[in-house]
Amino acid sequence: MTDSVKTILVIAQDKKTEALRMASGLTLLDDRVQVSVLGDLEDSDAVNEQLEALDFADVVVDRLDPAQAVDMAKLATQVGAADAVYMI
């Protein structure tokens, strides 16, 4: 096993609250975690709690509009640069 830092991209598409929760858990590793949310996030306590945890861990949460070509190009770049991608 290698000791190099990996980049893990979590894409929140269908189960967004669960994707944020998973990303929060991944911050316990020494790897770099990145989150991209496709579309809107619901305004709920569960989502806000996970966003606060990610903010505390210095994880940037990108909010991308799937209808915008520039956002999809950004996502493609993120996927290409990541060592692991989870789409939830």
N, C-alpha and C. Protein backbone atom coordinates (compact mmCIF):
# COMPACT_ATOMS: atom_id res chain seq x y z
N MET A 1 0.84 -1.19 0.00
CA MET A 1 0.00 0.00 0.00
C MET A 1 0.88 1.24 0.00
N THR A 2 0.50 2.21 -0.74
CA THR A 2 1.28 3.44 -0.87
C THR A 2 0.84 4.48 0.16
N ASP A 3 1.78 5.33 0.52
CA ASP A 3 1.48 6.38 1.50
C ASP A 3 1.13 7.70 0.85
N SER A 4 1.03 7.75 -0.46
CA SER A 4 0.74 9.00 -1.15
C SER A 4 -0.72 9.42 -0.93
N VAL A 5 -0.93 10.70 -0.91
CA VAL A 5 -2.27 11.25 -0.70
C VAL A 5 -3.06 11.11 -1.99
N LYS A 6 -4.27 10.61 -1.87
CA LYS A 6 -5.16 10.42 -3.01
C LYS A 6 -6.21 11.53 -3.02
N THR A 7 -6.79 11.76 -4.18
CA THR A 7 -7.90 12.69 -4.31
C THR A 7 -9.17 11.88 -4.54
N ILE A 8 -10.15 12.08 -3.65
CA ILE A 8 -11.42 11.37 -3.74
C ILE A 8 -12.50 12.39 -4.08
N LEU A 9 -13.20 12.15 -5.18
CA LEU A 9 -14.29 13.02 -5.60
C LEU A 9 -15.61 12.34 -5.29
N VAL A 10 -16.48 13.03 -4.57
CA VAL A 10 -17.83 12.55 -4.30
C VAL A 10 -18.79 13.41 -5.10
N ILE A 11 -19.55 12.79 -5.99
CA ILE A 11 -20.53 13.51 -6.79
C ILE A 11 -21.91 13.23 -6.20
N ALA A 12 -22.56 14.27 -5.73
CA ALA A 12 -23.90 14.15 -5.14
C ALA A 12 -24.92 14.42 -6.23
N GLN A 13 -25.63 13.36 -6.65
CA GLN A 13 -26.60 13.53 -7.71
C GLN A 13 -28.00 13.12 -7.26
N ASP A 14 -28.19 11.90 -6.83
CA ASP A 14 -29.52 11.41 -6.48
C ASP A 14 -29.79 11.45 -4.98
N LYS A 15 -28.91 10.87 -4.21
CA LYS A 15 -29.05 10.85 -2.74
C LYS A 15 -28.04 11.83 -2.15
N LYS A 16 -28.37 13.09 -2.26
CA LYS A 16 -27.41 14.15 -1.94
C LYS A 16 -27.04 14.19 -0.46
N THR A 17 -28.00 14.02 0.42
CA THR A 17 -27.69 14.05 1.85
C THR A 17 -26.75 12.90 2.19
N GLU A 18 -27.02 11.73 1.64
CA GLU A 18 -26.15 10.57 1.89
C GLU A 18 -24.76 10.79 1.30
N ALA A 19 -24.68 11.43 0.15
CA ALA A 19 -23.38 11.72 -0.47
C ALA A 19 -22.57 12.67 0.41
N LEU A 20 -23.23 13.68 0.97
CA LEU A 20 -22.53 14.60 1.86
C LEU A 20 -22.07 13.89 3.13
N ARG A 21 -22.90 13.00 3.66
CA ARG A 21 -22.55 12.23 4.85
C ARG A 21 -21.34 11.35 4.56
N MET A 22 -21.34 10.72 3.41
CA MET A 22 -20.22 9.86 3.02
C MET A 22 -18.94 10.68 2.87
N ALA A 23 -19.04 11.83 2.25
CA ALA A 23 -17.88 12.70 2.08
C ALA A 23 -17.33 13.14 3.44
N SER A 24 -18.23 13.43 4.37
CA SER A 24 -17.79 13.81 5.72
C SER A 24 -17.00 12.68 6.35
N GLY A 25 -17.47 11.45 6.18
CA GLY A 25 -16.75 10.31 6.73
C GLY A 25 -15.40 10.10 6.08
N LEU A 26 -15.30 10.38 4.80
CA LEU A 26 -14.03 10.21 4.08
C LEU A 26 -12.97 11.20 4.55
N THR A 27 -13.38 12.28 5.20
CA THR A 27 -12.40 13.26 5.69
C THR A 27 -11.56 12.68 6.83
N LEU A 28 -11.98 11.55 7.39
CA LEU A 28 -11.21 10.91 8.46
C LEU A 28 -9.93 10.27 7.91
N LEU A 29 -9.90 10.05 6.61
CA LEU A 29 -8.69 9.54 5.98
C LEU A 29 -7.71 10.69 5.77
N ASP A 30 -6.52 10.37 5.37
CA ASP A 30 -5.53 11.41 5.08
C ASP A 30 -5.60 11.89 3.64
N ASP A 31 -6.60 11.41 2.90
CA ASP A 31 -6.73 11.79 1.50
C ASP A 31 -7.49 13.10 1.35
N ARG A 32 -7.37 13.68 0.16
CA ARG A 32 -8.06 14.93 -0.17
C ARG A 32 -9.46 14.58 -0.66
N VAL A 33 -10.47 15.19 -0.05
CA VAL A 33 -11.86 14.94 -0.42
C VAL A 33 -12.41 16.17 -1.13
N GLN A 34 -13.13 15.94 -2.20
CA GLN A 34 -13.73 16.99 -3.00
C GLN A 34 -15.18 16.59 -3.24
N VAL A 35 -16.10 17.56 -3.19
CA VAL A 35 -17.51 17.27 -3.38
C VAL A 35 -18.07 18.16 -4.48
N SER A 36 -18.81 17.54 -5.40
CA SER A 36 -19.55 18.29 -6.42
C SER A 36 -21.01 17.89 -6.33
N VAL A 37 -21.87 18.87 -6.16
CA VAL A 37 -23.31 18.65 -6.06
C VAL A 37 -23.94 19.04 -7.39
N LEU A 38 -24.67 18.10 -8.01
CA LEU A 38 -25.36 18.40 -9.25
C LEU A 38 -26.77 18.88 -8.94
N GLY A 39 -27.05 20.12 -9.25
CA GLY A 39 -28.36 20.68 -8.98
C GLY A 39 -28.45 21.28 -7.58
N ASP A 40 -29.68 21.43 -7.11
CA ASP A 40 -29.93 22.08 -5.83
C ASP A 40 -29.81 21.12 -4.66
N LEU A 41 -29.54 21.70 -3.49
CA LEU A 41 -29.57 20.96 -2.23
C LEU A 41 -30.80 21.40 -1.45
N GLU A 42 -31.45 20.44 -0.81
CA GLU A 42 -32.60 20.81 0.02
C GLU A 42 -32.11 21.58 1.25
N ASP A 43 -32.94 22.45 1.74
CA ASP A 43 -32.62 23.21 2.94
C ASP A 43 -33.19 22.44 4.14
N SER A 44 -32.35 21.57 4.70
CA SER A 44 -32.78 20.76 5.84
C SER A 44 -31.68 20.71 6.88
N ASP A 45 -32.05 20.31 8.08
CA ASP A 45 -31.07 20.20 9.15
C ASP A 45 -29.99 19.17 8.81
N ALA A 46 -30.40 18.06 8.20
CA ALA A 46 -29.45 17.00 7.85
C ALA A 46 -28.41 17.50 6.85
N VAL A 47 -28.85 18.22 5.84
CA VAL A 47 -27.93 18.76 4.83
C VAL A 47 -27.03 19.81 5.47
N ASN A 48 -27.61 20.71 6.24
CA ASN A 48 -26.82 21.77 6.87
C ASN A 48 -25.77 21.21 7.82
N GLU A 49 -26.11 20.15 8.54
CA GLU A 49 -25.16 19.51 9.44
C GLU A 49 -23.96 18.96 8.68
N GLN A 50 -24.21 18.31 7.56
CA GLN A 50 -23.12 17.75 6.75
C GLN A 50 -22.29 18.86 6.10
N LEU A 51 -22.94 19.92 5.65
CA LEU A 51 -22.20 21.04 5.06
C LEU A 51 -21.29 21.70 6.09
N GLU A 52 -21.76 21.80 7.33
CA GLU A 52 -20.93 22.37 8.40
C GLU A 52 -19.73 21.47 8.68
N ALA A 53 -19.95 20.16 8.70
CA ALA A 53 -18.85 19.22 8.94
C ALA A 53 -17.82 19.30 7.82
N LEU A 54 -18.28 19.39 6.59
CA LEU A 54 -17.36 19.51 5.46
C LEU A 54 -16.61 20.83 5.50
N ASP A 55 -17.29 21.89 5.86
CA ASP A 55 -16.63 23.19 5.98
C ASP A 55 -15.55 23.14 7.07
N PHE A 56 -15.86 22.51 8.18
CA PHE A 56 -14.90 22.36 9.28
C PHE A 56 -13.66 21.60 8.81
N ALA A 57 -13.85 20.63 7.93
CA ALA A 57 -12.74 19.84 7.41
C ALA A 57 -12.08 20.49 6.19
N ASP A 58 -12.47 21.71 5.88
CA ASP A 58 -11.92 22.46 4.74
C ASP A 58 -12.15 21.77 3.40
N VAL A 59 -13.31 21.14 3.26
CA VAL A 59 -13.69 20.50 2.00
C VAL A 59 -14.58 21.49 1.24
N VAL A 60 -14.16 21.82 0.04
CA VAL A 60 -14.94 22.72 -0.80
C VAL A 60 -16.07 21.92 -1.45
N VAL A 61 -17.28 22.45 -1.36
CA VAL A 61 -18.43 21.82 -1.99
C VAL A 61 -18.81 22.66 -3.20
N ASP A 62 -18.57 22.10 -4.39
CA ASP A 62 -18.94 22.79 -5.63
C ASP A 62 -20.39 22.48 -5.96
N ARG A 63 -21.15 23.49 -6.26
CA ARG A 63 -22.54 23.30 -6.69
C ARG A 63 -22.59 23.56 -8.18
N LEU A 64 -22.93 22.53 -8.92
CA LEU A 64 -22.89 22.58 -10.37
C LEU A 64 -24.28 22.44 -10.96
N ASP A 65 -24.52 23.20 -12.01
CA ASP A 65 -25.80 23.13 -12.72
C ASP A 65 -25.61 22.22 -13.94
N PRO A 66 -26.28 21.06 -13.94
CA PRO A 66 -26.10 20.13 -15.06
C PRO A 66 -26.50 20.70 -16.42
N ALA A 67 -27.26 21.78 -16.44
CA ALA A 67 -27.69 22.39 -17.70
C ALA A 67 -26.63 23.34 -18.26
N GLN A 68 -25.59 23.61 -17.49
CA GLN A 68 -24.55 24.55 -17.92
C GLN A 68 -23.31 23.79 -18.41
N ALA A 69 -22.93 24.04 -19.64
CA ALA A 69 -21.78 23.35 -20.22
C ALA A 69 -20.50 23.61 -19.44
N VAL A 70 -20.34 24.82 -18.95
CA VAL A 70 -19.12 25.16 -18.20
C VAL A 70 -19.04 24.34 -16.91
N ASP A 71 -20.16 24.12 -16.26
CA ASP A 71 -20.18 23.31 -15.04
C ASP A 71 -19.88 21.85 -15.34
N MET A 72 -20.41 21.34 -16.45
CA MET A 72 -20.14 19.95 -16.82
C MET A 72 -18.69 19.77 -17.25
N ALA A 73 -18.10 20.79 -17.85
CA ALA A 73 -16.69 20.73 -18.20
C ALA A 73 -15.84 20.71 -16.94
N LYS A 74 -16.24 21.49 -15.94
CA LYS A 74 -15.54 21.49 -14.66
C LYS A 74 -15.62 20.12 -14.01
N LEU A 75 -16.80 19.50 -14.04
CA LEU A 75 -16.97 18.17 -13.47
C LEU A 75 -16.10 17.15 -14.20
N ALA A 76 -16.04 17.24 -15.51
CA ALA A 76 -15.21 16.32 -16.29
C ALA A 76 -13.74 16.46 -15.90
N THR A 77 -13.30 17.66 -15.67
CA THR A 77 -11.92 17.90 -15.24
C THR A 77 -11.68 17.30 -13.86
N GLN A 78 -12.65 17.47 -12.95
CA GLN A 78 -12.53 16.91 -11.61
C GLN A 78 -12.47 15.39 -11.65
N VAL A 79 -13.33 14.77 -12.46
CA VAL A 79 -13.34 13.31 -12.58
C VAL A 79 -12.00 12.82 -13.12
N GLY A 80 -11.49 13.50 -14.12
CA GLY A 80 -10.21 13.11 -14.71
C GLY A 80 -9.04 13.23 -13.76
N ALA A 81 -9.11 14.18 -12.84
CA ALA A 81 -8.00 14.42 -11.91
C ALA A 81 -8.09 13.57 -10.64
N ALA A 82 -9.25 12.98 -10.37
CA ALA A 82 -9.46 12.22 -9.13
C ALA A 82 -8.87 10.82 -9.22
N ASP A 83 -8.43 10.32 -8.09
CA ASP A 83 -7.96 8.93 -8.00
C ASP A 83 -9.12 7.97 -7.79
N ALA A 84 -10.19 8.46 -7.16
CA ALA A 84 -11.40 7.66 -6.94
C ALA A 84 -12.60 8.58 -7.05
N VAL A 85 -13.67 8.06 -7.65
CA VAL A 85 -14.89 8.85 -7.83
C VAL A 85 -16.06 8.02 -7.31
N TYR A 86 -16.87 8.65 -6.45
CA TYR A 86 -18.11 8.04 -5.97
C TYR A 86 -19.25 8.91 -6.44
N MET A 87 -20.21 8.32 -7.12
CA MET A 87 -21.39 9.06 -7.58
C MET A 87 -22.59 8.49 -6.86
N ILE A 88 -23.17 9.32 -6.02
CA ILE A 88 -24.28 8.87 -5.18
C ILE A 88 -25.53 9.63 -5.53
